[in-house]
Amino acid sequence: MAKQNCWEIKRCGREPNGAKVADLGVCPAATHQKASGIHGGKNGGRVCWVLAGTLCGGTVQGCFASKLANCAACEFYRQVKKEEGQALISPTELLQLLK
């Protein structure tokens, strides 16, 4: 079974051609190509917690440091963490990879 990306689980509508793009823009998680393949995701779809500008709780979020608490409580983040287990790349390492 293919691993799902954040926009598929959260149904935020911010993926390209999504229902909320006209209002909120395309999410960086859906377009961040450098993150493609990490944890089996498309673009940044499985590392959204380290990307600025994602939509969480109905609000566009800022940088990783400012959204860390929200992401730690997110059901999608917990799902990826469980699915990846020991292979989960730490946020610090992800930020270095995505520079």
Foldseek 3Di string as FASTA:
>chain_A
DQDDFPCVVVVPQQAVVGPCCVPQNHAQLNVQCLCACPLRHGRNRLVSLQDAQGAAPNDGGGGNVRCVVVLVPDPSNVVSCVVCPPNDDDSVVVVVSSD
